[in-house]
Amino acid sequence: MKTTVTKFVSGAAATLLLAGVGLGKNSYAAPHCQPIGGTVMTNFAVVNASTTLGVVDGDLKGAVAATILNITQGSNGTVVFTVQHHFVTQSGDVILTDVATATSTVVAPGLYAILNYPVHITG
């Protein structure tokens, strides 16, 4: 039996995603936020057709699952994913996020490169 797994490639975007987390400019965020970096890579359809599962490397090292809430065609041939993330760090801390929107482009059949993927960590 042959199993095919589709990769959700997000290395470059994850750097933006994770680096952007610490860049809040309000008075509450300033004393609590700091720049971070790393990579997030997940595989589609690991748990079910709309759930990804993967690893996080770097400052937030651990695991991530994401529920794909919606997929739409974007402008200029892009594909837009609406996603709810579920992060847990290697030390067991849970990271909560708002629903995120990932704009991607198809680089090969079943392979997407992330162009823009802002994620807001809420707790």
PDB file of N, CA and C in Angstrom:
ATOM      1  N   MET A   1       0.840  -1.174   0.000  1.00  0.00           N
ATOM      2  CA  MET A   1       0.000   0.000   0.000  1.00  0.00           C
ATOM      3  C   MET A   1       0.883   1.234   0.000  1.00  0.00           C
ATOM      4  N   LYS A   2       0.621   2.155  -0.885  1.00  0.00           N
ATOM      5  CA  LYS A   2       1.417   3.374  -0.994  1.00  0.00           C
ATOM      6  C   LYS A   2       0.686   4.517  -0.298  1.00  0.00           C
ATOM      7  N   THR A   3       1.416   5.259   0.559  1.00  0.00           N
ATOM      8  CA  THR A   3       0.854   6.411   1.251  1.00  0.00           C
ATOM      9  C   THR A   3       1.515   7.664   0.720  1.00  0.00           C
ATOM     10  N   THR A   4       0.721   8.656   0.379  1.00  0.00           N
ATOM     11  CA  THR A   4       1.246   9.925  -0.109  1.00  0.00           C
ATOM     12  C   THR A   4       0.918  11.012   0.900  1.00  0.00           C
ATOM     13  N   VAL A   5       1.912  11.782   1.264  1.00  0.00           N
ATOM     14  CA  VAL A   5       1.728  12.873   2.208  1.00  0.00           C
ATOM     15  C   VAL A   5       2.064  14.171   1.499  1.00  0.00           C
ATOM     16  N   THR A   6       1.183  15.138   1.624  1.00  0.00           N
ATOM     17  CA  THR A   6       1.401  16.442   1.019  1.00  0.00           C
ATOM     18  C   THR A   6       2.079  17.349   2.030  1.00  0.00           C
ATOM     19  N   LYS A   7       3.159  17.981   1.622  1.00  0.00           N
ATOM     20  CA  LYS A   7       3.909  18.867   2.514  1.00  0.00           C
ATOM     21  C   LYS A   7       3.341  20.281   2.468  1.00  0.00           C
ATOM     22  N   PHE A   8       3.251  20.888   3.611  1.00  0.00           N
ATOM     23  CA  PHE A   8       2.845  22.281   3.737  1.00  0.00           C
ATOM     24  C   PHE A   8       4.132  23.020   4.092  1.00  0.00           C
ATOM     25  N   VAL A   9       4.830  23.518   3.079  1.00  0.00           N
ATOM     26  CA  VAL A   9       6.151  24.090   3.268  1.00  0.00           C
ATOM     27  C   VAL A   9       6.012  25.524   3.742  1.00  0.00           C
ATOM     28  N   SER A  10       6.593  25.786   4.906  1.00  0.00           N
ATOM     29  CA  SER A  10       6.416  27.113   5.469  1.00  0.00           C
ATOM     30  C   SER A  10       7.684  27.668   6.097  1.00  0.00           C
ATOM     31  N   GLY A  11       8.826  27.183   5.690  1.00  0.00           N
ATOM     32  CA  GLY A  11      10.070  27.625   6.307  1.00  0.00           C
ATOM     33  C   GLY A  11      10.303  29.115   6.253  1.00  0.00           C
ATOM     34  N   ALA A  12      10.284  29.704   5.073  1.00  0.00           N
ATOM     35  CA  ALA A  12      10.529  31.144   4.958  1.00  0.00           C
ATOM     36  C   ALA A  12       9.426  31.929   5.628  1.00  0.00           C
ATOM     37  N   ALA A  13       8.199  31.510   5.445  1.00  0.00           N
ATOM     38  CA  ALA A  13       7.087  32.231   6.057  1.00  0.00           C
ATOM     39  C   ALA A  13       7.093  32.073   7.563  1.00  0.00           C
ATOM     40  N   ALA A  14       7.504  30.908   8.045  1.00  0.00           N
ATOM     41  CA  ALA A  14       7.541  30.713   9.489  1.00  0.00           C
ATOM     42  C   ALA A  14       8.527  31.665  10.140  1.00  0.00           C
ATOM     43  N   THR A  15       9.619  31.956   9.455  1.00  0.00           N
ATOM     44  CA  THR A  15      10.557  32.930   9.988  1.00  0.00           C
ATOM     45  C   THR A  15       9.845  34.261  10.154  1.00  0.00           C
ATOM     46  N   LEU A  16       9.067  34.663   9.166  1.00  0.00           N
ATOM     47  CA  LEU A  16       8.289  35.895   9.285  1.00  0.00           C
ATOM     48  C   LEU A  16       7.230  35.753  10.372  1.00  0.00           C
ATOM     49  N   LEU A  17       6.563  34.613  10.392  1.00  0.00           N
ATOM     50  CA  LEU A  17       5.529  34.359  11.377  1.00  0.00           C
ATOM     51  C   LEU A  17       6.092  34.467  12.780  1.00  0.00           C
ATOM     52  N   LEU A  18       7.179  33.767  13.043  1.00  0.00           N
ATOM     53  CA  LEU A  18       7.727  33.753  14.390  1.00  0.00           C
ATOM     54  C   LEU A  18       8.458  35.046  14.725  1.00  0.00           C
ATOM     55  N   ALA A  19       9.150  35.628  13.771  1.00  0.00           N
ATOM     56  CA  ALA A  19       9.843  36.886  14.040  1.00  0.00           C
ATOM     57  C   ALA A  19       8.849  38.004  14.269  1.00  0.00           C
ATOM     58  N   GLY A  20       7.725  37.971  13.578  1.00  0.00           N
ATOM     59  CA  GLY A  20       6.724  39.018  13.712  1.00  0.00           C
ATOM     60  C   GLY A  20       5.965  38.974  15.011  1.00  0.00           C
ATOM     61  N   VAL A  21       5.996  37.858  15.719  1.00  0.00           N
ATOM     62  CA  VAL A  21       5.263  37.726  16.963  1.00  0.00           C
ATOM     63  C   VAL A  21       5.735  38.747  17.985  1.00  0.00           C
ATOM     64  N   GLY A  22       7.023  38.993  18.037  1.00  0.00           N
ATOM     65  CA  GLY A  22       7.559  39.875  19.059  1.00  0.00           C
ATOM     66  C   GLY A  22       7.601  41.336  18.675  1.00  0.00           C
ATOM     67  N   LEU A  23       6.957  41.724  17.602  1.00  0.00           N
ATOM     68  CA  LEU A  23       7.087  43.087  17.133  1.00  0.00           C
ATOM     69  C   LEU A  23       5.901  43.972  17.475  1.00  0.00           C
ATOM     70  N   GLY A  24       5.115  43.605  18.477  1.00  0.00           N
ATOM     71  CA  GLY A  24       3.963  44.419  18.866  1.00  0.00           C
ATOM     72  C   GLY A  24       4.397  45.805  19.287  1.00  0.00           C
ATOM     73  N   LYS A  25       3.588  46.814  18.969  1.00  0.00           N
ATOM     74  CA  LYS A  25       3.969  48.197  19.233  1.00  0.00           C
ATOM     75  C   LYS A  25       3.084  48.872  20.269  1.00  0.00           C
ATOM     76  N   ASN A  26       2.204  48.137  20.967  1.00  0.00           N
ATOM     77  CA  ASN A  26       1.387  48.805  21.967  1.00  0.00           C
ATOM     78  C   ASN A  26       2.076  48.772  23.319  1.00  0.00           C
ATOM     79  N   SER A  27       1.594  49.561  24.280  1.00  0.00           N
ATOM     80  CA  SER A  27       2.265  49.687  25.569  1.00  0.00           C
ATOM     81  C   SER A  27       2.211  48.399  26.378  1.00  0.00           C
ATOM     82  N   TYR A  28       1.158  47.583  26.199  1.00  0.00           N
ATOM     83  CA  TYR A  28       1.089  46.321  26.914  1.00  0.00           C
ATOM     84  C   TYR A  28       2.093  45.315  26.366  1.00  0.00           C
ATOM     85  N   ALA A  29       2.243  45.282  25.047  1.00  0.00           N
ATOM     86  CA  ALA A  29       3.108  44.297  24.403  1.00  0.00           C
ATOM     87  C   ALA A  29       4.584  44.591  24.646  1.00  0.00           C
ATOM     88  N   ALA A  30       4.953  45.857  24.689  1.00  0.00           N
ATOM     89  CA  ALA A  30       6.363  46.234  24.752  1.00  0.00           C
ATOM     90  C   ALA A  30       7.150  45.525  25.855  1.00  0.00           C
ATOM     91  N   PRO A  31       6.664  45.490  27.098  1.00  0.00           N
ATOM     92  CA  PRO A  31       7.478  44.826  28.130  1.00  0.00           C
ATOM     93  C   PRO A  31       7.422  43.306  28.081  1.00  0.00           C
ATOM     94  N   HIS A  32       6.491  42.739  27.318  1.00  0.00           N
ATOM     95  CA  HIS A  32       6.298  41.296  27.305  1.00  0.00           C
ATOM     96  C   HIS A  32       6.801  40.601  26.052  1.00  0.00           C
ATOM     97  N   CYS A  33       6.947  41.324  24.957  1.00  0.00           N
ATOM     98  CA  CYS A  33       7.281  40.695  23.683  1.00  0.00           C
ATOM     99  C   CYS A  33       8.773  40.784  23.392  1.00  0.00           C
ATOM    100  N   GLN A  34       9.250  39.805  22.664  1.00  0.00           N
ATOM    101  CA  GLN A  34      10.633  39.811  22.218  1.00  0.00           C
ATOM    102  C   GLN A  34      10.724  39.115  20.875  1.00  0.00           C
ATOM    103  N   PRO A  35      11.703  39.502  20.060  1.00  0.00           N
ATOM    104  CA  PRO A  35      11.850  38.842  18.745  1.00  0.00           C
ATOM    105  C   PRO A  35      12.206  37.362  18.922  1.00  0.00           C
ATOM    106  N   ILE A  36      11.616  36.518  18.090  1.00  0.00           N
ATOM    107  CA  ILE A  36      11.912  35.089  18.090  1.00  0.00           C
ATOM    108  C   ILE A  36      12.032  34.618  16.652  1.00  0.00           C
ATOM    109  N   GLY A  37      12.585  33.446  16.464  1.00  0.00           N
ATOM    110  CA  GLY A  37      12.725  32.905  15.114  1.00  0.00           C
ATOM    111  C   GLY A  37      12.651  31.396  15.132  1.00  0.00           C
ATOM    112  N   GLY A  38      12.459  30.825  13.973  1.00  0.00           N
ATOM    113  CA  GLY A  38      12.397  29.376  13.860  1.00  0.00           C
ATOM    114  C   GLY A  38      11.678  28.958  12.606  1.00  0.00           C
ATOM    115  N   THR A  39      11.341  27.680  12.543  1.00  0.00           N
ATOM    116  CA  THR A  39      10.644  27.124  11.388  1.00  0.00           C
ATOM    117  C   THR A  39       9.468  26.279  11.852  1.00  0.00           C
ATOM    118  N   VAL A  40       8.426  26.278  11.038  1.00  0.00           N
ATOM    119  CA  VAL A  40       7.256  25.433  11.274  1.00  0.00           C
ATOM    120  C   VAL A  40       7.019  24.651   9.991  1.00  0.00           C
ATOM    121  N   MET A  41       6.910  23.329  10.101  1.00  0.00           N
ATOM    122  CA  MET A  41       6.611  22.513   8.920  1.00  0.00           C
ATOM    123  C   MET A  41       5.572  21.478   9.317  1.00  0.00           C
ATOM    124  N   THR A  42       4.509  21.394   8.508  1.00  0.00           N
ATOM    125  CA  THR A  42       3.453  20.432   8.797  1.00  0.00           C
ATOM    126  C   THR A  42       3.134  19.605   7.560  1.00  0.00           C
ATOM    127  N   ASN A  43       2.491  18.481   7.791  1.00  0.00           N
ATOM    128  CA  ASN A  43       2.003  17.616   6.720  1.00  0.00           C
ATOM    129  C   ASN A  43       0.486  17.668   6.729  1.00  0.00           C
ATOM    130  N   PHE A  44      -0.102  17.760   5.534  1.00  0.00           N
ATOM    131  CA  PHE A  44      -1.556  17.730   5.408  1.00  0.00           C
ATOM    132  C   PHE A  44      -2.092  16.330   5.679  1.00  0.00           C
ATOM    133  N   ALA A  45      -3.329  16.294   6.123  1.00  0.00           N
ATOM    134  CA  ALA A  45      -4.121  15.057   6.226  1.00  0.00           C
ATOM    135  C   ALA A  45      -3.453  13.977   7.069  1.00  0.00           C
ATOM    136  N   VAL A  46      -2.825  14.368   8.160  1.00  0.00           N
ATOM    137  CA  VAL A  46      -2.220  13.382   9.051  1.00  0.00           C
ATOM    138  C   VAL A  46      -3.275  12.786   9.976  1.00  0.00           C
ATOM    139  N   VAL A  47      -4.062  13.638  10.600  1.00  0.00           N
ATOM    140  CA  VAL A  47      -5.115  13.189  11.512  1.00  0.00           C
ATOM    141  C   VAL A  47      -6.398  12.922  10.734  1.00  0.00           C
ATOM    142  N   ASN A  48      -6.770  13.892   9.896  1.00  0.00           N
ATOM    143  CA  ASN A  48      -7.902  13.755   8.986  1.00  0.00           C
ATOM    144  C   ASN A  48      -7.674  14.732   7.834  1.00  0.00           C
ATOM    145  N   ALA A  49      -8.625  14.853   6.929  1.00  0.00           N
ATOM    146  CA  ALA A  49      -8.427  15.649   5.715  1.00  0.00           C
ATOM    147  C   ALA A  49      -8.214  17.136   5.984  1.00  0.00           C
ATOM    148  N   SER A  50      -8.633  17.644   7.142  1.00  0.00           N
ATOM    149  CA  SER A  50      -8.497  19.070   7.408  1.00  0.00           C
ATOM    150  C   SER A  50      -7.565  19.379   8.574  1.00  0.00           C
ATOM    151  N   THR A  51      -6.764  18.424   9.007  1.00  0.00           N
ATOM    152  CA  THR A  51      -5.860  18.655  10.134  1.00  0.00           C
ATOM    153  C   THR A  51      -4.425  18.340   9.747  1.00  0.00           C
ATOM    154  N   THR A  52      -3.543  19.303   9.995  1.00  0.00           N
ATOM    155  CA  THR A  52      -2.121  19.110   9.744  1.00  0.00           C
ATOM    156  C   THR A  52      -1.430  18.764  11.063  1.00  0.00           C
ATOM    157  N   LEU A  53      -0.244  18.221  10.979  1.00  0.00           N
ATOM    158  CA  LEU A  53       0.534  17.877  12.153  1.00  0.00           C
ATOM    159  C   LEU A  53       2.000  18.066  11.794  1.00  0.00           C
ATOM    160  N   GLY A  54       2.769  18.672  12.697  1.00  0.00           N
ATOM    161  CA  GLY A  54       4.164  18.902  12.359  1.00  0.00           C
ATOM    162  C   GLY A  54       5.011  19.321  13.539  1.00  0.00           C
ATOM    163  N   VAL A  55       6.195  19.804  13.202  1.00  0.00           N
ATOM    164  CA  VAL A  55       7.187  20.184  14.208  1.00  0.00           C
ATOM    165  C   VAL A  55       7.498  21.671  14.112  1.00  0.00           C
ATOM    166  N   VAL A  56       7.946  22.206  15.241  1.00  0.00           N
ATOM    167  CA  VAL A  56       8.392  23.588  15.330  1.00  0.00           C
ATOM    168  C   VAL A  56       9.833  23.544  15.808  1.00  0.00           C
ATOM    169  N   ASP A  57      10.705  24.274  15.133  1.00  0.00           N
ATOM    170  CA  ASP A  57      12.107  24.348  15.530  1.00  0.00           C
ATOM    171  C   ASP A  57      12.424  25.801  15.882  1.00  0.00           C
ATOM    172  N   GLY A  58      13.471  26.004  16.627  1.00  0.00           N
ATOM    173  CA  GLY A  58      13.852  27.364  16.982  1.00  0.00           C
ATOM    174  C   GLY A  58      13.403  27.724  18.384  1.00  0.00           C
ATOM    175  N   ASP A  59      13.071  29.001  18.583  1.00  0.00           N
ATOM    176  CA  ASP A  59      12.733  29.504  19.911  1.00  0.00           C
ATOM    177  C   ASP A  59      11.489  28.873  20.515  1.00  0.00           C
ATOM    178  N   LEU A  60      10.545  28.444  19.705  1.00  0.00           N
ATOM    179  CA  LEU A  60       9.308  27.828  20.197  1.00  0.00           C
ATOM    180  C   LEU A  60       9.292  26.325  19.951  1.00  0.00           C
ATOM    181  N   LYS A  61      10.445  25.697  19.980  1.00  0.00           N
ATOM    182  CA  LYS A  61      10.602  24.285  19.642  1.00  0.00           C
ATOM    183  C   LYS A  61       9.533  23.420  20.300  1.00  0.00           C
ATOM    184  N   GLY A  62       8.911  22.584  19.469  1.00  0.00           N
ATOM    185  CA  GLY A  62       7.873  21.689  19.962  1.00  0.00           C
ATOM    186  C   GLY A  62       7.092  21.093  18.812  1.00  0.00           C
ATOM    187  N   ALA A  63       5.775  21.067  18.973  1.00  0.00           N
ATOM    188  CA  ALA A  63       4.904  20.475  17.958  1.00  0.00           C
ATOM    189  C   ALA A  63       3.771  21.441  17.630  1.00  0.00           C
ATOM    190  N   VAL A  64       3.183  21.227  16.451  1.00  0.00           N
ATOM    191  CA  VAL A  64       2.055  22.046  16.024  1.00  0.00           C
ATOM    192  C   VAL A  64       1.060  21.174  15.277  1.00  0.00           C
ATOM    193  N   ALA A  65      -0.199  21.447  15.514  1.00  0.00           N
ATOM    194  CA  ALA A  65      -1.279  20.898  14.699  1.00  0.00           C
ATOM    195  C   ALA A  65      -2.076  22.100  14.229  1.00  0.00           C
ATOM    196  N   ALA A  66      -2.698  21.978  13.102  1.00  0.00           N
ATOM    197  CA  ALA A  66      -3.512  23.070  12.593  1.00  0.00           C
ATOM    198  C   ALA A  66      -4.758  22.499  11.946  1.00  0.00           C
ATOM    199  N   THR A  67      -5.874  23.127  12.255  1.00  0.00           N
ATOM    200  CA  THR A  67      -7.132  22.754  11.626  1.00  0.00           C
ATOM    201  C   THR A  67      -7.386  23.731  10.493  1.00  0.00           C
ATOM    202  N   ILE A  68      -7.525  23.212   9.297  1.00  0.00           N
ATOM    203  CA  ILE A  68      -7.810  24.059   8.138  1.00  0.00           C
ATOM    204  C   ILE A  68      -9.314  24.318   8.126  1.00  0.00           C
ATOM    205  N   LEU A  69      -9.676  25.578   8.337  1.00  0.00           N
ATOM    206  CA  LEU A  69     -11.080  25.959   8.410  1.00  0.00           C
ATOM    207  C   LEU A  69     -11.683  26.257   7.049  1.00  0.00           C
ATOM    208  N   ASN A  70     -10.825  26.751   6.118  1.00  0.00           N
ATOM    209  CA  ASN A  70     -11.321  27.116   4.799  1.00  0.00           C
ATOM    210  C   ASN A  70     -10.157  27.205   3.818  1.00  0.00           C
ATOM    211  N   ILE A  71     -10.405  26.896   2.559  1.00  0.00           N
ATOM    212  CA  ILE A  71      -9.422  27.048   1.485  1.00  0.00           C
ATOM    213  C   ILE A  71     -10.129  27.763   0.341  1.00  0.00           C
ATOM    214  N   THR A  72      -9.536  28.872  -0.123  1.00  0.00           N
ATOM    215  CA  THR A  72     -10.122  29.625  -1.231  1.00  0.00           C
ATOM    216  C   THR A  72      -9.047  29.995  -2.235  1.00  0.00           C
ATOM    217  N   GLN A  73      -9.471  30.281  -3.447  1.00  0.00           N
ATOM    218  CA  GLN A  73      -8.565  30.799  -4.470  1.00  0.00           C
ATOM    219  C   GLN A  73      -8.358  32.280  -4.200  1.00  0.00           C
ATOM    220  N   GLY A  74      -7.103  32.715  -4.199  1.00  0.00           N
ATOM    221  CA  GLY A  74      -6.783  34.116  -4.018  1.00  0.00           C
ATOM    222  C   GLY A  74      -6.447  34.764  -5.344  1.00  0.00           C
ATOM    223  N   SER A  75      -5.971  35.992  -5.283  1.00  0.00           N
ATOM    224  CA  SER A  75      -5.598  36.697  -6.507  1.00  0.00           C
ATOM    225  C   SER A  75      -4.276  36.160  -7.047  1.00  0.00           C
ATOM    226  N   ASN A  76      -4.049  36.377  -8.330  1.00  0.00           N
ATOM    227  CA  ASN A  76      -2.800  35.989  -8.999  1.00  0.00           C
ATOM    228  C   ASN A  76      -2.450  34.518  -8.828  1.00  0.00           C
ATOM    229  N   GLY A  77      -3.457  33.653  -8.780  1.00  0.00           N
ATOM    230  CA  GLY A  77      -3.212  32.213  -8.700  1.00  0.00           C
ATOM    231  C   GLY A  77      -2.829  31.697  -7.328  1.00  0.00           C
ATOM    232  N   THR A  78      -2.968  32.519  -6.295  1.00  0.00           N
ATOM    233  CA  THR A  78      -2.630  32.069  -4.950  1.00  0.00           C
ATOM    234  C   THR A  78      -3.746  31.209  -4.368  1.00  0.00           C
ATOM    235  N   VAL A  79      -3.405  30.475  -3.330  1.00  0.00           N
ATOM    236  CA  VAL A  79      -4.367  29.674  -2.577  1.00  0.00           C
ATOM    237  C   VAL A  79      -4.322  30.189  -1.145  1.00  0.00           C
ATOM    238  N   VAL A  80      -5.489  30.491  -0.566  1.00  0.00           N
ATOM    239  CA  VAL A  80      -5.562  31.074   0.772  1.00  0.00           C
ATOM    240  C   VAL A  80      -6.158  30.054   1.736  1.00  0.00           C
ATOM    241  N   PHE A  81      -5.420  29.764   2.808  1.00  0.00           N
ATOM    242  CA  PHE A  81      -5.849  28.831   3.843  1.00  0.00           C
ATOM    243  C   PHE A  81      -6.217  29.630   5.094  1.00  0.00           C
ATOM    244  N   THR A  82      -7.389  29.366   5.664  1.00  0.00           N
ATOM    245  CA  THR A  82      -7.754  29.920   6.969  1.00  0.00           C
ATOM    246  C   THR A  82      -7.522  28.796   7.969  1.00  0.00           C
ATOM    247  N   VAL A  83      -6.724  29.082   9.016  1.00  0.00           N
ATOM    248  CA  VAL A  83      -6.190  28.019   9.864  1.00  0.00           C
ATOM    249  C   VAL A  83      -6.285  28.383  11.347  1.00  0.00           C
ATOM    250  N   GLN A  84      -6.619  27.389  12.184  1.00  0.00           N
ATOM    251  CA  GLN A  84      -6.515  27.534  13.638  1.00  0.00           C
ATOM    252  C   GLN A  84      -5.383  26.631  14.104  1.00  0.00           C
ATOM    253  N   HIS A  85      -4.364  27.229  14.725  1.00  0.00           N
ATOM    254  CA  HIS A  85      -3.185  26.485  15.179  1.00  0.00           C
ATOM    255  C   HIS A  85      -3.351  25.965  16.602  1.00  0.00           C
ATOM    256  N   HIS A  86      -2.599  24.904  16.888  1.00  0.00           N
ATOM    257  CA  HIS A  86      -2.534  24.316  18.224  1.00  0.00           C
ATOM    258  C   HIS A  86      -1.054  24.009  18.475  1.00  0.00           C
ATOM    259  N   PHE A  87      -0.382  24.866  19.233  1.00  0.00           N
ATOM    260  CA  PHE A  87       1.050  24.715  19.500  1.00  0.00           C
ATOM    261  C   PHE A  87       1.283  24.164  20.904  1.00  0.00           C
ATOM    262  N   VAL A  88       2.318  23.339  21.061  1.00  0.00           N
ATOM    263  CA  VAL A  88       2.820  22.941  22.367  1.00  0.00           C
ATOM    264  C   VAL A  88       4.343  22.936  22.263  1.00  0.00           C
ATOM    265  N   THR A  89       4.999  23.578  23.244  1.00  0.00           N
ATOM    266  CA  THR A  89       6.451  23.647  23.218  1.00  0.00           C
ATOM    267  C   THR A  89       7.047  22.359  23.766  1.00  0.00           C
ATOM    268  N   GLN A  90       8.337  22.199  23.561  1.00  0.00           N
ATOM    269  CA  GLN A  90       9.036  21.010  24.033  1.00  0.00           C
ATOM    270  C   GLN A  90       8.923  20.879  25.559  1.00  0.00           C
ATOM    271  N   SER A  91       8.821  22.017  26.260  1.00  0.00           N
ATOM    272  CA  SER A  91       8.703  21.983  27.720  1.00  0.00           C
ATOM    273  C   SER A  91       7.265  21.778  28.191  1.00  0.00           C
ATOM    274  N   GLY A  92       6.307  21.707  27.242  1.00  0.00           N
ATOM    275  CA  GLY A  92       4.924  21.426  27.596  1.00  0.00           C
ATOM    276  C   GLY A  92       4.014  22.638  27.682  1.00  0.00           C
ATOM    277  N   ASP A  93       4.523  23.826  27.404  1.00  0.00           N
ATOM    278  CA  ASP A  93       3.686  25.025  27.408  1.00  0.00           C
ATOM    279  C   ASP A  93       2.774  25.028  26.185  1.00  0.00           C
ATOM    280  N   VAL A  94       1.527  25.428  26.378  1.00  0.00           N
ATOM    281  CA  VAL A  94       0.580  25.555  25.273  1.00  0.00           C
ATOM    282  C   VAL A  94       0.603  27.002  24.799  1.00  0.00           C
ATOM    283  N   ILE A  95       0.666  27.198  23.487  1.00  0.00           N
ATOM    284  CA  ILE A  95       0.661  28.531  22.889  1.00  0.00           C
ATOM    285  C   ILE A  95      -0.664  28.705  22.165  1.00  0.00           C
ATOM    286  N   LEU A  96      -1.419  29.730  22.549  1.00  0.00           N
ATOM    287  CA  LEU A  96      -2.720  30.003  21.946  1.00  0.00           C
ATOM    288  C   LEU A  96      -2.568  31.066  20.865  1.00  0.00           C
ATOM    289  N   THR A  97      -3.339  30.924  19.778  1.00  0.00           N
ATOM    290  CA  THR A  97      -3.278  31.883  18.677  1.00  0.00           C
ATOM    291  C   THR A  97      -4.674  32.228  18.183  1.00  0.00           C
ATOM    292  N   ASP A  98      -4.772  33.390  17.522  1.00  0.00           N
ATOM    293  CA  ASP A  98      -5.986  33.737  16.790  1.00  0.00           C
ATOM    294  C   ASP A  98      -6.027  32.899  15.515  1.00  0.00           C
ATOM    295  N   VAL A  99      -7.180  32.852  14.880  1.00  0.00           N
ATOM    296  CA  VAL A  99      -7.296  32.215  13.566  1.00  0.00           C
ATOM    297  C   VAL A  99      -6.379  32.978  12.603  1.00  0.00           C
ATOM    298  N   ALA A 100      -5.646  32.259  11.761  1.00  0.00           N
ATOM    299  CA  ALA A 100      -4.666  32.869  10.852  1.00  0.00           C
ATOM    300  C   ALA A 100      -5.052  32.617   9.398  1.00  0.00           C
ATOM    301  N   THR A 101      -4.518  33.469   8.528  1.00  0.00           N
ATOM    302  CA  THR A 101      -4.725  33.316   7.092  1.00  0.00           C
ATOM    303  C   THR A 101      -3.365  33.166   6.419  1.00  0.00           C
ATOM    304  N   ALA A 102      -3.180  32.061   5.710  1.00  0.00           N
ATOM    305  CA  ALA A 102      -1.928  31.795   4.991  1.00  0.00           C
ATOM    306  C   ALA A 102      -2.174  31.935   3.500  1.00  0.00           C
ATOM    307  N   THR A 103      -1.397  32.802   2.862  1.00  0.00           N
ATOM    308  CA  THR A 103      -1.471  32.947   1.408  1.00  0.00           C
ATOM    309  C   THR A 103      -0.314  32.167   0.816  1.00  0.00           C
ATOM    310  N   SER A 104      -0.620  31.270  -0.118  1.00  0.00           N
ATOM    311  CA  SER A 104       0.402  30.383  -0.675  1.00  0.00           C
ATOM    312  C   SER A 104       0.340  30.366  -2.193  1.00  0.00           C
ATOM    313  N   THR A 105       1.360  29.747  -2.760  1.00  0.00           N
ATOM    314  CA  THR A 105       1.363  29.491  -4.194  1.00  0.00           C
ATOM    315  C   THR A 105       1.750  28.030  -4.407  1.00  0.00           C
ATOM    316  N   VAL A 106       1.213  27.431  -5.435  1.00  0.00           N
ATOM    317  CA  VAL A 106       1.520  26.032  -5.740  1.00  0.00           C
ATOM    318  C   VAL A 106       2.869  25.991  -6.448  1.00  0.00           C
ATOM    319  N   VAL A 107       3.814  25.218  -5.912  1.00  0.00           N
ATOM    320  CA  VAL A 107       5.132  25.080  -6.543  1.00  0.00           C
ATOM    321  C   VAL A 107       5.286  23.741  -7.257  1.00  0.00           C
ATOM    322  N   ALA A 108       4.439  22.789  -6.922  1.00  0.00           N
ATOM    323  CA  ALA A 108       4.371  21.484  -7.577  1.00  0.00           C
ATOM    324  C   ALA A 108       3.028  20.887  -7.163  1.00  0.00           C
ATOM    325  N   PRO A 109       2.558  19.905  -7.857  1.00  0.00           N
ATOM    326  CA  PRO A 109       1.268  19.306  -7.463  1.00  0.00           C
ATOM    327  C   PRO A 109       1.300  18.854  -6.000  1.00  0.00           C
ATOM    328  N   GLY A 110       0.403  19.428  -5.189  1.00  0.00           N
ATOM    329  CA  GLY A 110       0.322  19.074  -3.779  1.00  0.00           C
ATOM    330  C   GLY A 110       1.355  19.735  -2.893  1.00  0.00           C
ATOM    331  N   LEU A 111       2.183  20.629  -3.426  1.00  0.00           N
ATOM    332  CA  LEU A 111       3.228  21.296  -2.643  1.00  0.00           C
ATOM    333  C   LEU A 111       3.004  22.801  -2.705  1.00  0.00           C
ATOM    334  N   TYR A 112       2.893  23.433  -1.542  1.00  0.00           N
ATOM    335  CA  TYR A 112       2.604  24.860  -1.456  1.00  0.00           C
ATOM    336  C   TYR A 112       3.753  25.598  -0.785  1.00  0.00           C
ATOM    337  N   ALA A 113       4.082  26.771  -1.308  1.00  0.00           N
ATOM    338  CA  ALA A 113       5.052  27.663  -0.666  1.00  0.00           C
ATOM    339  C   ALA A 113       4.264  28.817  -0.068  1.00  0.00           C
ATOM    340  N   ILE A 114       4.547  29.145   1.164  1.00  0.00           N
ATOM    341  CA  ILE A 114       3.831  30.200   1.863  1.00  0.00           C
ATOM    342  C   ILE A 114       4.425  31.552   1.489  1.00  0.00           C
ATOM    343  N   LEU A 115       3.562  32.474   1.076  1.00  0.00           N
ATOM    344  CA  LEU A 115       3.990  33.823   0.713  1.00  0.00           C
ATOM    345  C   LEU A 115       3.785  34.804   1.865  1.00  0.00           C
ATOM    346  N   ASN A 116       2.716  34.623   2.615  1.00  0.00           N
ATOM    347  CA  ASN A 116       2.394  35.506   3.730  1.00  0.00           C
ATOM    348  C   ASN A 116       1.588  34.712   4.748  1.00  0.00           C
ATOM    349  N   TYR A 117       1.980  34.775   6.025  1.00  0.00           N
ATOM    350  CA  TYR A 117       1.324  33.949   7.038  1.00  0.00           C
ATOM    351  C   TYR A 117       1.456  34.580   8.412  1.00  0.00           C
ATOM    352  N   PRO A 118       0.837  35.728   8.625  1.00  0.00           N
ATOM    353  CA  PRO A 118       0.921  36.342   9.956  1.00  0.00           C
ATOM    354  C   PRO A 118       0.101  35.546  10.969  1.00  0.00           C
ATOM    355  N   VAL A 119       0.688  35.269  12.121  1.00  0.00           N
ATOM    356  CA  VAL A 119       0.009  34.561  13.198  1.00  0.00           C
ATOM    357  C   VAL A 119       0.139  35.409  14.456  1.00  0.00           C
ATOM    358  N   HIS A 120      -0.984  35.631  15.141  1.00  0.00           N
ATOM    359  CA  HIS A 120      -0.986  36.429  16.363  1.00  0.00           C
ATOM    360  C   HIS A 120      -1.107  35.497  17.559  1.00  0.00           C
ATOM    361  N   ILE A 121      -0.063  35.462  18.389  1.00  0.00           N
ATOM    362  CA  ILE A 121      -0.076  34.652  19.605  1.00  0.00           C
ATOM    363  C   ILE A 121      -0.836  35.421  20.672  1.00  0.00           C
ATOM    364  N   THR A 122      -1.825  34.757  21.276  1.00  0.00           N
ATOM    365  CA  THR A 122      -2.666  35.415  22.275  1.00  0.00           C
ATOM    366  C   THR A 122      -2.368  34.959  23.697  1.00  0.00           C
ATOM    367  N   GLY A 123      -1.658  33.892  23.853  1.00  0.00           N
ATOM    368  CA  GLY A 123      -1.354  33.425  25.212  1.00  0.00           C
ATOM    369  C   GLY A 123      -0.608  32.133  25.203  1.00  0.00           C
TER     370      GLY A 123
END
